[in-house]
Amino acid sequence: MDNRYNGWTNYATWRVNLEIFDGLDPREMGWHTLDKYALASVIKEYANEMIEIDVREGLALDYARAFLSDVNWHEIAEAMIEAHDDERGVLETAAWYDTSAELL
């Protein structure tokens, strides 16, 4: 049975990406230098912190954690890197021609 949803691994991955990470700039979070595996770990921790802010304890928190356990964190990390890779490439290209520029 295929559980894919809107091009993502599953509904949980799509929904978490949409609700928590869509529009989030990894540079603003200090995540822009991380590889896919480190970024996946960081965004998983971030999402868990986000739900704990809204839900302190009890059954709702348990359900939220269960939902997050279905998320493909590597897929979200990969999508985030791809979405911001063009911007990073432009900066690197500009720095290549301007020897006084500092790479980010």
N, C-alpha and C. Protein backbone atom coordinates (compact mmCIF):
# COMPACT_ATOMS: atom_id res chain seq x y z
N MET A 1 0.83 -1.18 0.00
CA MET A 1 0.00 0.00 0.00
C MET A 1 0.88 1.25 0.00
N ASP A 2 0.60 2.17 -0.91
CA ASP A 2 1.36 3.41 -1.03
C ASP A 2 0.71 4.48 -0.15
N ASN A 3 1.48 5.01 0.79
CA ASN A 3 0.97 6.04 1.70
C ASN A 3 1.38 7.44 1.29
N ARG A 4 1.96 7.60 0.09
CA ARG A 4 2.42 8.92 -0.34
C ARG A 4 1.27 9.92 -0.31
N TYR A 5 1.63 11.18 -0.01
CA TYR A 5 0.62 12.24 0.08
C TYR A 5 1.19 13.52 -0.51
N ASN A 6 0.56 14.03 -1.55
CA ASN A 6 1.00 15.27 -2.22
C ASN A 6 2.49 15.27 -2.56
N GLY A 7 2.99 14.11 -2.97
CA GLY A 7 4.39 14.00 -3.37
C GLY A 7 5.36 13.74 -2.22
N TRP A 8 4.87 13.66 -1.01
CA TRP A 8 5.70 13.40 0.17
C TRP A 8 5.54 11.95 0.60
N THR A 9 6.44 11.48 1.46
CA THR A 9 6.41 10.10 1.95
C THR A 9 5.05 9.72 2.52
N ASN A 10 4.45 10.60 3.29
CA ASN A 10 3.16 10.33 3.91
C ASN A 10 2.52 11.66 4.36
N TYR A 11 1.31 11.54 4.89
CA TYR A 11 0.57 12.73 5.33
C TYR A 11 1.32 13.48 6.43
N ALA A 12 1.88 12.76 7.39
CA ALA A 12 2.57 13.41 8.50
C ALA A 12 3.74 14.25 8.02
N THR A 13 4.51 13.73 7.08
CA THR A 13 5.65 14.47 6.55
C THR A 13 5.19 15.72 5.82
N TRP A 14 4.18 15.56 4.97
CA TRP A 14 3.64 16.70 4.24
C TRP A 14 3.11 17.76 5.20
N ARG A 15 2.34 17.35 6.18
CA ARG A 15 1.69 18.29 7.10
C ARG A 15 2.69 19.03 7.98
N VAL A 16 3.66 18.31 8.51
CA VAL A 16 4.67 18.95 9.36
C VAL A 16 5.51 19.92 8.55
N ASN A 17 5.88 19.53 7.34
CA ASN A 17 6.63 20.45 6.49
C ASN A 17 5.81 21.70 6.21
N LEU A 18 4.55 21.52 5.89
CA LEU A 18 3.67 22.65 5.56
C LEU A 18 3.45 23.56 6.78
N GLU A 19 3.12 22.98 7.90
CA GLU A 19 2.73 23.76 9.08
C GLU A 19 3.90 24.35 9.87
N ILE A 20 5.04 23.66 9.86
CA ILE A 20 6.14 24.12 10.72
C ILE A 20 7.30 24.70 9.92
N PHE A 21 7.62 24.10 8.77
CA PHE A 21 8.85 24.49 8.09
C PHE A 21 8.67 25.26 6.79
N ASP A 22 7.48 25.30 6.23
CA ASP A 22 7.27 26.02 4.99
C ASP A 22 7.56 27.51 5.18
N GLY A 23 8.46 28.03 4.41
CA GLY A 23 8.82 29.45 4.51
C GLY A 23 9.91 29.75 5.52
N LEU A 24 10.35 28.75 6.25
CA LEU A 24 11.41 28.95 7.24
C LEU A 24 12.76 28.97 6.53
N ASP A 25 13.54 29.98 6.76
CA ASP A 25 14.86 30.11 6.14
C ASP A 25 15.91 29.50 7.07
N PRO A 26 16.61 28.46 6.61
CA PRO A 26 17.61 27.83 7.47
C PRO A 26 18.74 28.77 7.90
N ARG A 27 19.00 29.79 7.08
CA ARG A 27 20.04 30.76 7.47
C ARG A 27 19.62 31.54 8.69
N GLU A 28 18.35 31.90 8.77
CA GLU A 28 17.87 32.65 9.93
C GLU A 28 17.92 31.83 11.21
N MET A 29 17.86 30.51 11.05
CA MET A 29 17.89 29.62 12.21
C MET A 29 19.31 29.15 12.53
N GLY A 30 20.28 29.51 11.68
CA GLY A 30 21.65 29.05 11.87
C GLY A 30 21.87 27.62 11.43
N TRP A 31 20.99 27.11 10.57
CA TRP A 31 21.06 25.71 10.12
C TRP A 31 21.68 25.56 8.74
N HIS A 32 22.06 26.64 8.09
CA HIS A 32 22.47 26.62 6.70
C HIS A 32 23.77 25.87 6.43
N THR A 33 24.56 25.59 7.44
CA THR A 33 25.82 24.88 7.22
C THR A 33 25.71 23.38 7.50
N LEU A 34 24.54 22.93 7.92
CA LEU A 34 24.36 21.52 8.28
C LEU A 34 24.14 20.65 7.06
N ASP A 35 24.64 19.41 7.12
CA ASP A 35 24.33 18.47 6.06
C ASP A 35 22.94 17.89 6.29
N LYS A 36 22.48 17.07 5.37
CA LYS A 36 21.11 16.54 5.43
C LYS A 36 20.83 15.79 6.73
N TYR A 37 21.79 15.02 7.20
CA TYR A 37 21.57 14.19 8.40
C TYR A 37 21.52 15.03 9.67
N ALA A 38 22.42 15.98 9.77
CA ALA A 38 22.42 16.87 10.94
C ALA A 38 21.17 17.75 10.92
N LEU A 39 20.81 18.24 9.73
CA LEU A 39 19.62 19.08 9.62
C LEU A 39 18.36 18.30 9.99
N ALA A 40 18.28 17.05 9.57
CA ALA A 40 17.13 16.21 9.92
C ALA A 40 16.99 16.08 11.43
N SER A 41 18.09 15.89 12.10
CA SER A 41 18.07 15.77 13.55
C SER A 41 17.64 17.08 14.22
N VAL A 42 18.15 18.20 13.72
CA VAL A 42 17.83 19.51 14.29
C VAL A 42 16.36 19.86 14.07
N ILE A 43 15.83 19.60 12.87
CA ILE A 43 14.43 19.96 12.62
C ILE A 43 13.48 19.05 13.39
N LYS A 44 13.88 17.81 13.61
CA LYS A 44 13.06 16.91 14.44
C LYS A 44 12.97 17.46 15.87
N GLU A 45 14.09 17.85 16.41
CA GLU A 45 14.12 18.43 17.76
C GLU A 45 13.29 19.73 17.80
N TYR A 46 13.43 20.55 16.77
CA TYR A 46 12.69 21.81 16.69
C TYR A 46 11.18 21.56 16.69
N ALA A 47 10.73 20.60 15.89
CA ALA A 47 9.30 20.29 15.81
C ALA A 47 8.79 19.77 17.16
N ASN A 48 9.57 18.95 17.82
CA ASN A 48 9.18 18.47 19.14
C ASN A 48 9.07 19.61 20.14
N GLU A 49 9.99 20.55 20.08
CA GLU A 49 9.94 21.71 20.96
C GLU A 49 8.70 22.56 20.67
N MET A 50 8.36 22.69 19.38
CA MET A 50 7.18 23.47 19.00
C MET A 50 5.90 22.89 19.58
N ILE A 51 5.76 21.57 19.55
CA ILE A 51 4.53 20.98 20.09
C ILE A 51 4.50 21.06 21.61
N GLU A 52 5.66 21.00 22.23
CA GLU A 52 5.70 21.09 23.68
C GLU A 52 5.39 22.49 24.18
N ILE A 53 5.59 23.49 23.34
CA ILE A 53 5.21 24.86 23.70
C ILE A 53 3.69 24.97 23.75
N ASP A 54 3.03 24.35 22.77
CA ASP A 54 1.57 24.43 22.68
C ASP A 54 0.85 23.45 23.60
N VAL A 55 1.45 22.28 23.79
CA VAL A 55 0.80 21.22 24.57
C VAL A 55 1.77 20.77 25.65
N ARG A 56 1.45 21.04 26.89
CA ARG A 56 2.37 20.77 27.99
C ARG A 56 2.43 19.29 28.41
N GLU A 57 1.28 18.64 28.46
CA GLU A 57 1.26 17.24 28.93
C GLU A 57 -0.06 16.60 28.59
N GLY A 58 -0.12 15.30 28.82
CA GLY A 58 -1.38 14.58 28.66
C GLY A 58 -1.54 13.90 27.32
N LEU A 59 -2.78 13.53 27.06
CA LEU A 59 -3.11 12.75 25.89
C LEU A 59 -2.82 13.49 24.58
N ALA A 60 -3.09 14.77 24.52
CA ALA A 60 -2.84 15.54 23.29
C ALA A 60 -1.36 15.53 22.94
N LEU A 61 -0.50 15.66 23.93
CA LEU A 61 0.94 15.63 23.68
C LEU A 61 1.36 14.24 23.20
N ASP A 62 0.79 13.21 23.79
CA ASP A 62 1.09 11.84 23.35
C ASP A 62 0.69 11.62 21.89
N TYR A 63 -0.48 12.11 21.51
CA TYR A 63 -0.92 11.99 20.11
C TYR A 63 -0.01 12.80 19.18
N ALA A 64 0.38 13.99 19.59
CA ALA A 64 1.26 14.81 18.76
C ALA A 64 2.60 14.12 18.56
N ARG A 65 3.15 13.55 19.61
CA ARG A 65 4.43 12.83 19.49
C ARG A 65 4.29 11.60 18.59
N ALA A 66 3.17 10.91 18.71
CA ALA A 66 2.93 9.74 17.84
C ALA A 66 2.86 10.18 16.38
N PHE A 67 2.21 11.30 16.12
CA PHE A 67 2.12 11.84 14.76
C PHE A 67 3.52 12.17 14.23
N LEU A 68 4.34 12.82 15.06
CA LEU A 68 5.68 13.19 14.64
C LEU A 68 6.57 11.97 14.39
N SER A 69 6.26 10.85 15.02
CA SER A 69 7.07 9.65 14.82
C SER A 69 6.93 9.10 13.40
N ASP A 70 5.89 9.51 12.68
CA ASP A 70 5.69 9.06 11.30
C ASP A 70 6.38 9.96 10.27
N VAL A 71 6.94 11.06 10.70
CA VAL A 71 7.53 12.04 9.78
C VAL A 71 8.86 11.53 9.22
N ASN A 72 9.07 11.74 7.94
CA ASN A 72 10.35 11.45 7.30
C ASN A 72 11.20 12.72 7.38
N TRP A 73 11.98 12.83 8.42
CA TRP A 73 12.76 14.04 8.70
C TRP A 73 13.82 14.29 7.64
N HIS A 74 14.40 13.21 7.10
CA HIS A 74 15.41 13.36 6.05
C HIS A 74 14.81 13.95 4.78
N GLU A 75 13.57 13.59 4.49
CA GLU A 75 12.91 14.14 3.31
C GLU A 75 12.68 15.65 3.47
N ILE A 76 12.26 16.07 4.64
CA ILE A 76 12.05 17.50 4.89
C ILE A 76 13.39 18.24 4.83
N ALA A 77 14.43 17.66 5.42
CA ALA A 77 15.76 18.28 5.38
C ALA A 77 16.24 18.43 3.95
N GLU A 78 16.07 17.39 3.16
CA GLU A 78 16.47 17.42 1.76
C GLU A 78 15.72 18.52 1.00
N ALA A 79 14.42 18.61 1.23
CA ALA A 79 13.61 19.64 0.56
C ALA A 79 14.05 21.04 0.98
N MET A 80 14.38 21.20 2.25
CA MET A 80 14.82 22.50 2.75
C MET A 80 16.15 22.90 2.12
N ILE A 81 17.05 21.94 2.02
CA ILE A 81 18.36 22.21 1.40
C ILE A 81 18.17 22.57 -0.07
N GLU A 82 17.36 21.81 -0.78
CA GLU A 82 17.11 22.09 -2.20
C GLU A 82 16.45 23.45 -2.39
N ALA A 83 15.53 23.81 -1.53
CA ALA A 83 14.82 25.08 -1.65
C ALA A 83 15.75 26.27 -1.48
N HIS A 84 16.77 26.11 -0.68
CA HIS A 84 17.68 27.22 -0.39
C HIS A 84 19.04 27.06 -1.04
N ASP A 85 19.23 25.99 -1.80
CA ASP A 85 20.50 25.73 -2.46
C ASP A 85 20.78 26.77 -3.54
N ASP A 86 19.75 27.19 -4.28
CA ASP A 86 19.95 28.20 -5.31
C ASP A 86 20.47 29.49 -4.72
N GLU A 87 19.93 29.89 -3.58
CA GLU A 87 20.38 31.12 -2.92
C GLU A 87 21.84 31.01 -2.50
N ARG A 88 22.20 29.84 -1.98
CA ARG A 88 23.58 29.63 -1.55
C ARG A 88 24.51 29.66 -2.76
N GLY A 89 24.08 29.06 -3.87
CA GLY A 89 24.87 29.05 -5.08
C GLY A 89 25.11 30.44 -5.63
N VAL A 90 24.11 31.30 -5.57
CA VAL A 90 24.25 32.68 -6.03
C VAL A 90 25.29 33.40 -5.18
N LEU A 91 25.24 33.20 -3.88
CA LEU A 91 26.21 33.86 -3.00
C LEU A 91 27.62 33.37 -3.28
N GLU A 92 27.78 32.06 -3.48
CA GLU A 92 29.10 31.51 -3.75
C GLU A 92 29.62 32.01 -5.09
N THR A 93 28.75 32.10 -6.08
CA THR A 93 29.16 32.60 -7.39
C THR A 93 29.59 34.06 -7.31
N ALA A 94 28.82 34.87 -6.59
CA ALA A 94 29.17 36.29 -6.44
C ALA A 94 30.51 36.43 -5.73
N ALA A 95 30.74 35.61 -4.72
CA ALA A 95 31.99 35.68 -3.97
C ALA A 95 33.17 35.23 -4.84
N TRP A 96 32.91 34.32 -5.76
CA TRP A 96 33.98 33.85 -6.65
C TRP A 96 34.56 34.99 -7.46
N TYR A 97 33.70 35.89 -7.94
CA TYR A 97 34.15 37.00 -8.77
C TYR A 97 34.64 38.19 -7.95
N ASP A 98 34.18 38.31 -6.74
CA ASP A 98 34.57 39.42 -5.88
C ASP A 98 35.50 38.87 -4.81
N THR A 99 36.78 39.05 -4.98
CA THR A 99 37.74 38.46 -4.07
C THR A 99 37.69 39.08 -2.67
N SER A 100 37.04 40.23 -2.54
CA SER A 100 36.92 40.85 -1.22
C SER A 100 35.71 40.32 -0.46
N ALA A 101 34.83 39.56 -1.15
CA ALA A 101 33.62 39.04 -0.51
C ALA A 101 33.97 37.87 0.38
N GLU A 102 33.23 37.76 1.46
CA GLU A 102 33.41 36.65 2.39
C GLU A 102 32.29 35.65 2.18
N LEU A 103 32.62 34.37 2.06
CA LEU A 103 31.59 33.34 1.90
C LEU A 103 30.82 33.16 3.19
N LEU A 104 29.53 32.92 3.07
CA LEU A 104 28.68 32.70 4.25
C LEU A 104 28.80 31.28 4.71
